[in-house]
Amino acid sequence: MSPERDTRPPFAEVRKVLNAHDPAGLLNAGAPDDEYTPEAEDFASRLREGQPITRQVVIDVWERWFGPDSGYVQLATPEDLDSLAATLDALR
């Protein structure tokens, strides 16, 4: 049985941002639209708590779900990470 999902706001908006950025290129490779659900829950939880989303938070969340050698974190430019962080932080 899968764990119960926390889809309270701003979950839908966060997942929309992650899908638009498709940081790991998974959606472009054919993954389903809910591919980034665990990460979206993580970011949404932080946003509900009023935590700013920074480049380091993006890295921390990504490495939590994909491991410390995540391709996205390794290949993303600082600008890519900052762009995703700023877009997510704007949902706060």
PDB file of N, CA and C in Angstrom:
ATOM      1  N   MET A   1       0.846  -1.169   0.000  1.00  0.00           N
ATOM      2  CA  MET A   1       0.000   0.000   0.000  1.00  0.00           C
ATOM      3  C   MET A   1       0.897   1.240   0.000  1.00  0.00           C
ATOM      4  N   SER A   2       0.601   2.192  -0.879  1.00  0.00           N
ATOM      5  CA  SER A   2       1.415   3.400  -0.956  1.00  0.00           C
ATOM      6  C   SER A   2       1.017   4.365   0.155  1.00  0.00           C
ATOM      7  N   PRO A   3       1.968   5.191   0.591  1.00  0.00           N
ATOM      8  CA  PRO A   3       1.666   6.135   1.667  1.00  0.00           C
ATOM      9  C   PRO A   3       0.644   7.169   1.203  1.00  0.00           C
ATOM     10  N   GLU A   4      -0.109   7.707   2.156  1.00  0.00           N
ATOM     11  CA  GLU A   4      -1.072   8.742   1.832  1.00  0.00           C
ATOM     12  C   GLU A   4      -0.334   9.999   1.389  1.00  0.00           C
ATOM     13  N   ARG A   5      -0.794  10.599   0.339  1.00  0.00           N
ATOM     14  CA  ARG A   5      -0.155  11.792  -0.220  1.00  0.00           C
ATOM     15  C   ARG A   5      -0.696  13.047   0.442  1.00  0.00           C
ATOM     16  N   ASP A   6       0.178  14.022   0.667  1.00  0.00           N
ATOM     17  CA  ASP A   6      -0.227  15.312   1.197  1.00  0.00           C
ATOM     18  C   ASP A   6      -0.311  16.268   0.022  1.00  0.00           C
ATOM     19  N   THR A   7      -1.513  16.456  -0.471  1.00  0.00           N
ATOM     20  CA  THR A   7      -1.708  17.286  -1.660  1.00  0.00           C
ATOM     21  C   THR A   7      -2.346  18.642  -1.329  1.00  0.00           C
ATOM     22  N   ARG A   8      -2.173  19.071  -0.079  1.00  0.00           N
ATOM     23  CA  ARG A   8      -2.678  20.400   0.285  1.00  0.00           C
ATOM     24  C   ARG A   8      -1.882  21.470  -0.472  1.00  0.00           C
ATOM     25  N   PRO A   9      -2.526  22.632  -0.667  1.00  0.00           N
ATOM     26  CA  PRO A   9      -1.790  23.711  -1.323  1.00  0.00           C
ATOM     27  C   PRO A   9      -0.482  23.996  -0.593  1.00  0.00           C
ATOM     28  N   PRO A  10       0.542  24.328  -1.319  1.00  0.00           N
ATOM     29  CA  PRO A  10       0.610  24.613  -2.751  1.00  0.00           C
ATOM     30  C   PRO A  10       1.077  23.418  -3.590  1.00  0.00           C
ATOM     31  N   PHE A  11       0.722  22.191  -3.177  1.00  0.00           N
ATOM     32  CA  PHE A  11       1.203  20.996  -3.864  1.00  0.00           C
ATOM     33  C   PHE A  11       0.987  21.050  -5.381  1.00  0.00           C
ATOM     34  N   ALA A  12      -0.236  21.330  -5.830  1.00  0.00           N
ATOM     35  CA  ALA A  12      -0.528  21.309  -7.270  1.00  0.00           C
ATOM     36  C   ALA A  12       0.340  22.317  -8.018  1.00  0.00           C
ATOM     37  N   GLU A  13       0.519  23.491  -7.422  1.00  0.00           N
ATOM     38  CA  GLU A  13       1.340  24.519  -8.070  1.00  0.00           C
ATOM     39  C   GLU A  13       2.807  24.094  -8.129  1.00  0.00           C
ATOM     40  N   VAL A  14       3.278  23.465  -7.051  1.00  0.00           N
ATOM     41  CA  VAL A  14       4.667  23.000  -7.024  1.00  0.00           C
ATOM     42  C   VAL A  14       4.874  21.931  -8.085  1.00  0.00           C
ATOM     43  N   ARG A  15       3.964  20.979  -8.161  1.00  0.00           N
ATOM     44  CA  ARG A  15       4.121  19.923  -9.160  1.00  0.00           C
ATOM     45  C   ARG A  15       4.068  20.495 -10.576  1.00  0.00           C
ATOM     46  N   LYS A  16       3.240  21.503 -10.779  1.00  0.00           N
ATOM     47  CA  LYS A  16       3.176  22.158 -12.090  1.00  0.00           C
ATOM     48  C   LYS A  16       4.529  22.786 -12.440  1.00  0.00           C
ATOM     49  N   VAL A  17       5.157  23.445 -11.456  1.00  0.00           N
ATOM     50  CA  VAL A  17       6.481  24.053 -11.671  1.00  0.00           C
ATOM     51  C   VAL A  17       7.507  22.964 -11.989  1.00  0.00           C
ATOM     52  N   LEU A  18       7.519  21.903 -11.185  1.00  0.00           N
ATOM     53  CA  LEU A  18       8.491  20.828 -11.422  1.00  0.00           C
ATOM     54  C   LEU A  18       8.274  20.200 -12.795  1.00  0.00           C
ATOM     55  N   ASN A  19       7.030  19.986 -13.177  1.00  0.00           N
ATOM     56  CA  ASN A  19       6.765  19.402 -14.493  1.00  0.00           C
ATOM     57  C   ASN A  19       7.213  20.339 -15.609  1.00  0.00           C
ATOM     58  N   ALA A  20       7.006  21.634 -15.421  1.00  0.00           N
ATOM     59  CA  ALA A  20       7.431  22.600 -16.448  1.00  0.00           C
ATOM     60  C   ALA A  20       8.947  22.635 -16.569  1.00  0.00           C
ATOM     61  N   HIS A  21       9.641  22.573 -15.439  1.00  0.00           N
ATOM     62  CA  HIS A  21      11.109  22.584 -15.462  1.00  0.00           C
ATOM     63  C   HIS A  21      11.660  21.215 -15.848  1.00  0.00           C
ATOM     64  N   ASP A  22      10.931  20.145 -15.512  1.00  0.00           N
ATOM     65  CA  ASP A  22      11.358  18.767 -15.778  1.00  0.00           C
ATOM     66  C   ASP A  22      12.858  18.602 -15.510  1.00  0.00           C
ATOM     67  N   PRO A  23      13.261  18.862 -14.250  1.00  0.00           N
ATOM     68  CA  PRO A  23      14.691  18.926 -13.923  1.00  0.00           C
ATOM     69  C   PRO A  23      15.505  17.701 -14.318  1.00  0.00           C
ATOM     70  N   ALA A  24      14.936  16.529 -14.193  1.00  0.00           N
ATOM     71  CA  ALA A  24      15.697  15.325 -14.522  1.00  0.00           C
ATOM     72  C   ALA A  24      15.417  14.839 -15.940  1.00  0.00           C
ATOM     73  N   GLY A  25      14.590  15.565 -16.683  1.00  0.00           N
ATOM     74  CA  GLY A  25      14.270  15.164 -18.045  1.00  0.00           C
ATOM     75  C   GLY A  25      13.418  13.906 -18.132  1.00  0.00           C
ATOM     76  N   LEU A  26      12.762  13.563 -17.030  1.00  0.00           N
ATOM     77  CA  LEU A  26      11.994  12.315 -16.980  1.00  0.00           C
ATOM     78  C   LEU A  26      10.694  12.399 -17.767  1.00  0.00           C
ATOM     79  N   LEU A  27      10.023  13.539 -17.702  1.00  0.00           N
ATOM     80  CA  LEU A  27       8.767  13.683 -18.448  1.00  0.00           C
ATOM     81  C   LEU A  27       9.046  13.682 -19.944  1.00  0.00           C
ATOM     82  N   ASN A  28      10.126  14.342 -20.329  1.00  0.00           N
ATOM     83  CA  ASN A  28      10.523  14.371 -21.735  1.00  0.00           C
ATOM     84  C   ASN A  28      10.862  12.964 -22.239  1.00  0.00           C
ATOM     85  N   ALA A  29      11.281  12.111 -21.316  1.00  0.00           N
ATOM     86  CA  ALA A  29      11.622  10.732 -21.677  1.00  0.00           C
ATOM     87  C   ALA A  29      10.414   9.802 -21.614  1.00  0.00           C
ATOM     88  N   GLY A  30       9.221  10.358 -21.302  1.00  0.00           N
ATOM     89  CA  GLY A  30       8.008   9.550 -21.304  1.00  0.00           C
ATOM     90  C   GLY A  30       7.455   9.165 -19.948  1.00  0.00           C
ATOM     91  N   ALA A  31       8.029   9.682 -18.864  1.00  0.00           N
ATOM     92  CA  ALA A  31       7.508   9.379 -17.523  1.00  0.00           C
ATOM     93  C   ALA A  31       6.123  10.015 -17.358  1.00  0.00           C
ATOM     94  N   PRO A  32       5.313   9.456 -16.466  1.00  0.00           N
ATOM     95  CA  PRO A  32       3.968  10.010 -16.247  1.00  0.00           C
ATOM     96  C   PRO A  32       4.022  11.375 -15.561  1.00  0.00           C
ATOM     97  N   ASP A  33       2.923  12.132 -15.685  1.00  0.00           N
ATOM     98  CA  ASP A  33       2.848  13.479 -15.126  1.00  0.00           C
ATOM     99  C   ASP A  33       3.037  13.529 -13.617  1.00  0.00           C
ATOM    100  N   ASP A  34       2.853  12.405 -12.932  1.00  0.00           N
ATOM    101  CA  ASP A  34       3.006  12.407 -11.475  1.00  0.00           C
ATOM    102  C   ASP A  34       4.415  11.996 -11.036  1.00  0.00           C
ATOM    103  N   GLU A  35       5.348  11.971 -11.950  1.00  0.00           N
ATOM    104  CA  GLU A  35       6.719  11.532 -11.669  1.00  0.00           C
ATOM    105  C   GLU A  35       7.359  12.296 -10.507  1.00  0.00           C
ATOM    106  N   TYR A  36       7.103  13.586 -10.423  1.00  0.00           N
ATOM    107  CA  TYR A  36       7.756  14.405  -9.400  1.00  0.00           C
ATOM    108  C   TYR A  36       6.892  14.590  -8.144  1.00  0.00           C
ATOM    109  N   THR A  37       5.928  13.708  -7.923  1.00  0.00           N
ATOM    110  CA  THR A  37       5.038  13.839  -6.765  1.00  0.00           C
ATOM    111  C   THR A  37       5.789  13.846  -5.432  1.00  0.00           C
ATOM    112  N   PRO A  38       6.706  12.921  -5.154  1.00  0.00           N
ATOM    113  CA  PRO A  38       7.392  12.972  -3.858  1.00  0.00           C
ATOM    114  C   PRO A  38       8.172  14.272  -3.648  1.00  0.00           C
ATOM    115  N   GLU A  39       8.826  14.731  -4.677  1.00  0.00           N
ATOM    116  CA  GLU A  39       9.585  15.966  -4.576  1.00  0.00           C
ATOM    117  C   GLU A  39       8.641  17.151  -4.388  1.00  0.00           C
ATOM    118  N   ALA A  40       7.506  17.131  -5.095  1.00  0.00           N
ATOM    119  CA  ALA A  40       6.514  18.204  -4.959  1.00  0.00           C
ATOM    120  C   ALA A  40       5.971  18.251  -3.537  1.00  0.00           C
ATOM    121  N   GLU A  41       5.721  17.094  -2.953  1.00  0.00           N
ATOM    122  CA  GLU A  41       5.255  17.058  -1.561  1.00  0.00           C
ATOM    123  C   GLU A  41       6.306  17.663  -0.632  1.00  0.00           C
ATOM    124  N   ASP A  42       7.544  17.338  -0.865  1.00  0.00           N
ATOM    125  CA  ASP A  42       8.646  17.840  -0.040  1.00  0.00           C
ATOM    126  C   ASP A  42       8.725  19.369  -0.126  1.00  0.00           C
ATOM    127  N   PHE A  43       8.749  19.894  -1.344  1.00  0.00           N
ATOM    128  CA  PHE A  43       8.812  21.346  -1.522  1.00  0.00           C
ATOM    129  C   PHE A  43       7.565  22.025  -0.960  1.00  0.00           C
ATOM    130  N   ALA A  44       6.380  21.458  -1.211  1.00  0.00           N
ATOM    131  CA  ALA A  44       5.132  22.057  -0.722  1.00  0.00           C
ATOM    132  C   ALA A  44       5.120  22.114   0.799  1.00  0.00           C
ATOM    133  N   SER A  45       5.614  21.074   1.436  1.00  0.00           N
ATOM    134  CA  SER A  45       5.683  21.052   2.895  1.00  0.00           C
ATOM    135  C   SER A  45       6.569  22.186   3.409  1.00  0.00           C
ATOM    136  N   ARG A  46       7.700  22.359   2.777  1.00  0.00           N
ATOM    137  CA  ARG A  46       8.617  23.435   3.179  1.00  0.00           C
ATOM    138  C   ARG A  46       7.969  24.807   2.964  1.00  0.00           C
ATOM    139  N   LEU A  47       7.261  24.957   1.853  1.00  0.00           N
ATOM    140  CA  LEU A  47       6.597  26.223   1.572  1.00  0.00           C
ATOM    141  C   LEU A  47       5.487  26.494   2.587  1.00  0.00           C
ATOM    142  N   ARG A  48       4.713  25.475   2.959  1.00  0.00           N
ATOM    143  CA  ARG A  48       3.663  25.649   3.968  1.00  0.00           C
ATOM    144  C   ARG A  48       4.245  26.106   5.303  1.00  0.00           C
ATOM    145  N   GLU A  49       5.471  25.679   5.585  1.00  0.00           N
ATOM    146  CA  GLU A  49       6.146  26.076   6.829  1.00  0.00           C
ATOM    147  C   GLU A  49       6.786  27.461   6.710  1.00  0.00           C
ATOM    148  N   GLY A  50       6.712  28.061   5.531  1.00  0.00           N
ATOM    149  CA  GLY A  50       7.283  29.385   5.323  1.00  0.00           C
ATOM    150  C   GLY A  50       8.764  29.382   5.032  1.00  0.00           C
ATOM    151  N   GLN A  51       9.316  28.200   4.760  1.00  0.00           N
ATOM    152  CA  GLN A  51      10.751  28.099   4.484  1.00  0.00           C
ATOM    153  C   GLN A  51      11.061  28.625   3.092  1.00  0.00           C
ATOM    154  N   PRO A  52      12.045  29.502   2.974  1.00  0.00           N
ATOM    155  CA  PRO A  52      12.449  29.957   1.645  1.00  0.00           C
ATOM    156  C   PRO A  52      13.033  28.785   0.843  1.00  0.00           C
ATOM    157  N   ILE A  53      12.766  28.800  -0.433  1.00  0.00           N
ATOM    158  CA  ILE A  53      13.346  27.786  -1.315  1.00  0.00           C
ATOM    159  C   ILE A  53      14.538  28.427  -2.005  1.00  0.00           C
ATOM    160  N   THR A  54      15.698  27.940  -1.678  1.00  0.00           N
ATOM    161  CA  THR A  54      16.955  28.454  -2.222  1.00  0.00           C
ATOM    162  C   THR A  54      17.600  27.380  -3.095  1.00  0.00           C
ATOM    163  N   ARG A  55      18.682  27.748  -3.718  1.00  0.00           N
ATOM    164  CA  ARG A  55      19.441  26.769  -4.499  1.00  0.00           C
ATOM    165  C   ARG A  55      19.810  25.565  -3.634  1.00  0.00           C
ATOM    166  N   GLN A  56      20.262  25.820  -2.411  1.00  0.00           N
ATOM    167  CA  GLN A  56      20.661  24.714  -1.536  1.00  0.00           C
ATOM    168  C   GLN A  56      19.479  23.828  -1.163  1.00  0.00           C
ATOM    169  N   VAL A  57      18.312  24.396  -0.984  1.00  0.00           N
ATOM    170  CA  VAL A  57      17.118  23.590  -0.686  1.00  0.00           C
ATOM    171  C   VAL A  57      16.791  22.703  -1.884  1.00  0.00           C
ATOM    172  N   VAL A  58      16.877  23.256  -3.086  1.00  0.00           N
ATOM    173  CA  VAL A  58      16.638  22.450  -4.294  1.00  0.00           C
ATOM    174  C   VAL A  58      17.614  21.273  -4.321  1.00  0.00           C
ATOM    175  N   ILE A  59      18.870  21.539  -4.065  1.00  0.00           N
ATOM    176  CA  ILE A  59      19.888  20.478  -4.052  1.00  0.00           C
ATOM    177  C   ILE A  59      19.570  19.453  -2.974  1.00  0.00           C
ATOM    178  N   ASP A  60      19.238  19.923  -1.772  1.00  0.00           N
ATOM    179  CA  ASP A  60      18.942  19.007  -0.664  1.00  0.00           C
ATOM    180  C   ASP A  60      17.763  18.097  -0.981  1.00  0.00           C
ATOM    181  N   VAL A  61      16.688  18.685  -1.500  1.00  0.00           N
ATOM    182  CA  VAL A  61      15.499  17.878  -1.831  1.00  0.00           C
ATOM    183  C   VAL A  61      15.831  16.895  -2.943  1.00  0.00           C
ATOM    184  N   TRP A  62      16.520  17.388  -3.946  1.00  0.00           N
ATOM    185  CA  TRP A  62      16.837  16.498  -5.075  1.00  0.00           C
ATOM    186  C   TRP A  62      17.721  15.337  -4.622  1.00  0.00           C
ATOM    187  N   GLU A  63      18.716  15.614  -3.836  1.00  0.00           N
ATOM    188  CA  GLU A  63      19.606  14.544  -3.376  1.00  0.00           C
ATOM    189  C   GLU A  63      18.889  13.600  -2.414  1.00  0.00           C
ATOM    190  N   ARG A  64      17.918  14.109  -1.669  1.00  0.00           N
ATOM    191  CA  ARG A  64      17.146  13.232  -0.779  1.00  0.00           C
ATOM    192  C   ARG A  64      16.407  12.173  -1.593  1.00  0.00           C
ATOM    193  N   TRP A  65      15.819  12.576  -2.707  1.00  0.00           N
ATOM    194  CA  TRP A  65      14.991  11.665  -3.494  1.00  0.00           C
ATOM    195  C   TRP A  65      15.759  10.904  -4.563  1.00  0.00           C
ATOM    196  N   PHE A  66      16.834  11.486  -5.075  1.00  0.00           N
ATOM    197  CA  PHE A  66      17.552  10.852  -6.177  1.00  0.00           C
ATOM    198  C   PHE A  66      18.973  10.430  -5.832  1.00  0.00           C
ATOM    199  N   GLY A  67      19.415  10.752  -4.625  1.00  0.00           N
ATOM    200  CA  GLY A  67      20.763  10.373  -4.215  1.00  0.00           C
ATOM    201  C   GLY A  67      21.758  11.496  -4.426  1.00  0.00           C
ATOM    202  N   PRO A  68      22.902  11.388  -3.749  1.00  0.00           N
ATOM    203  CA  PRO A  68      23.902  12.466  -3.792  1.00  0.00           C
ATOM    204  C   PRO A  68      24.582  12.622  -5.148  1.00  0.00           C
ATOM    205  N   ASP A  69      24.478  11.647  -5.992  1.00  0.00           N
ATOM    206  CA  ASP A  69      25.090  11.757  -7.312  1.00  0.00           C
ATOM    207  C   ASP A  69      24.046  11.989  -8.393  1.00  0.00           C
ATOM    208  N   SER A  70      22.974  12.659  -7.999  1.00  0.00           N
ATOM    209  CA  SER A  70      21.875  12.933  -8.925  1.00  0.00           C
ATOM    210  C   SER A  70      22.385  13.622 -10.176  1.00  0.00           C
ATOM    211  N   GLY A  71      21.992  13.129 -11.306  1.00  0.00           N
ATOM    212  CA  GLY A  71      22.403  13.729 -12.566  1.00  0.00           C
ATOM    213  C   GLY A  71      22.004  15.181 -12.681  1.00  0.00           C
ATOM    214  N   TYR A  72      20.787  15.509 -12.216  1.00  0.00           N
ATOM    215  CA  TYR A  72      20.325  16.895 -12.327  1.00  0.00           C
ATOM    216  C   TYR A  72      21.228  17.834 -11.541  1.00  0.00           C
ATOM    217  N   VAL A  73      21.495  17.497 -10.298  1.00  0.00           N
ATOM    218  CA  VAL A  73      22.322  18.368  -9.465  1.00  0.00           C
ATOM    219  C   VAL A  73      23.738  18.459 -10.027  1.00  0.00           C
ATOM    220  N   GLN A  74      24.235  17.365 -10.546  1.00  0.00           N
ATOM    221  CA  GLN A  74      25.591  17.359 -11.097  1.00  0.00           C
ATOM    222  C   GLN A  74      25.689  18.143 -12.403  1.00  0.00           C
ATOM    223  N   LEU A  75      24.622  18.112 -13.212  1.00  0.00           N
ATOM    224  CA  LEU A  75      24.667  18.724 -14.537  1.00  0.00           C
ATOM    225  C   LEU A  75      24.054  20.112 -14.606  1.00  0.00           C
ATOM    226  N   ALA A  76      23.193  20.447 -13.645  1.00  0.00           N
ATOM    227  CA  ALA A  76      22.514  21.740 -13.676  1.00  0.00           C
ATOM    228  C   ALA A  76      23.503  22.873 -13.443  1.00  0.00           C
ATOM    229  N   THR A  77      23.272  23.965 -14.131  1.00  0.00           N
ATOM    230  CA  THR A  77      24.082  25.153 -13.891  1.00  0.00           C
ATOM    231  C   THR A  77      23.547  25.847 -12.639  1.00  0.00           C
ATOM    232  N   PRO A  78      24.348  26.686 -12.022  1.00  0.00           N
ATOM    233  CA  PRO A  78      23.828  27.472 -10.895  1.00  0.00           C
ATOM    234  C   PRO A  78      22.580  28.271 -11.302  1.00  0.00           C
ATOM    235  N   GLU A  79      22.561  28.744 -12.532  1.00  0.00           N
ATOM    236  CA  GLU A  79      21.411  29.503 -13.028  1.00  0.00           C
ATOM    237  C   GLU A  79      20.162  28.623 -13.100  1.00  0.00           C
ATOM    238  N   ASP A  80      20.320  27.354 -13.542  1.00  0.00           N
ATOM    239  CA  ASP A  80      19.184  26.416 -13.586  1.00  0.00           C
ATOM    240  C   ASP A  80      18.629  26.204 -12.179  1.00  0.00           C
ATOM    241  N   LEU A  81      19.521  25.961 -11.234  1.00  0.00           N
ATOM    242  CA  LEU A  81      19.106  25.723  -9.852  1.00  0.00           C
ATOM    243  C   LEU A  81      18.447  26.966  -9.262  1.00  0.00           C
ATOM    244  N   ASP A  82      19.028  28.135  -9.528  1.00  0.00           N
ATOM    245  CA  ASP A  82      18.462  29.380  -9.016  1.00  0.00           C
ATOM    246  C   ASP A  82      17.097  29.673  -9.637  1.00  0.00           C
ATOM    247  N   SER A  83      16.940  29.368 -10.910  1.00  0.00           N
ATOM    248  CA  SER A  83      15.668  29.591 -11.590  1.00  0.00           C
ATOM    249  C   SER A  83      14.571  28.723 -10.981  1.00  0.00           C
ATOM    250  N   LEU A  84      14.867  27.447 -10.784  1.00  0.00           N
ATOM    251  CA  LEU A  84      13.886  26.549 -10.177  1.00  0.00           C
ATOM    252  C   LEU A  84      13.579  27.002  -8.752  1.00  0.00           C
ATOM    253  N   ALA A  85      14.604  27.342  -7.991  1.00  0.00           N
ATOM    254  CA  ALA A  85      14.407  27.797  -6.607  1.00  0.00           C
ATOM    255  C   ALA A  85      13.535  29.058  -6.573  1.00  0.00           C
ATOM    256  N   ALA A  86      13.812  30.015  -7.423  1.00  0.00           N
ATOM    257  CA  ALA A  86      13.055  31.267  -7.426  1.00  0.00           C
ATOM    258  C   ALA A  86      11.596  31.043  -7.821  1.00  0.00           C
ATOM    259  N   THR A  87      11.378  30.186  -8.792  1.00  0.00           N
ATOM    260  CA  THR A  87      10.010  29.903  -9.224  1.00  0.00           C
ATOM    261  C   THR A  87       9.226  29.219  -8.105  1.00  0.00           C
ATOM    262  N   LEU A  88       9.875  28.275  -7.432  1.00  0.00           N
ATOM    263  CA  LEU A  88       9.212  27.609  -6.303  1.00  0.00           C
ATOM    264  C   LEU A  88       9.012  28.579  -5.139  1.00  0.00           C
ATOM    265  N   ASP A  89      10.021  29.381  -4.845  1.00  0.00           N
ATOM    266  CA  ASP A  89       9.917  30.309  -3.720  1.00  0.00           C
ATOM    267  C   ASP A  89       8.812  31.322  -3.926  1.00  0.00           C
ATOM    268  N   ALA A  90       8.528  31.672  -5.152  1.00  0.00           N
ATOM    269  CA  ALA A  90       7.455  32.626  -5.442  1.00  0.00           C
ATOM    270  C   ALA A  90       6.085  32.093  -5.024  1.00  0.00           C
ATOM    271  N   LEU A  91       5.983  30.794  -4.783  1.00  0.00           N
ATOM    272  CA  LEU A  91       4.721  30.200  -4.346  1.00  0.00           C
ATOM    273  C   LEU A  91       4.506  30.357  -2.834  1.00  0.00           C
ATOM    274  N   ARG A  92       5.516  30.816  -2.144  1.00  0.00           N
ATOM    275  CA  ARG A  92       5.441  30.966  -0.681  1.00  0.00           C
ATOM    276  C   ARG A  92       4.480  32.047  -0.305  1.00  0.00           C
TER     277      ARG A  92
END
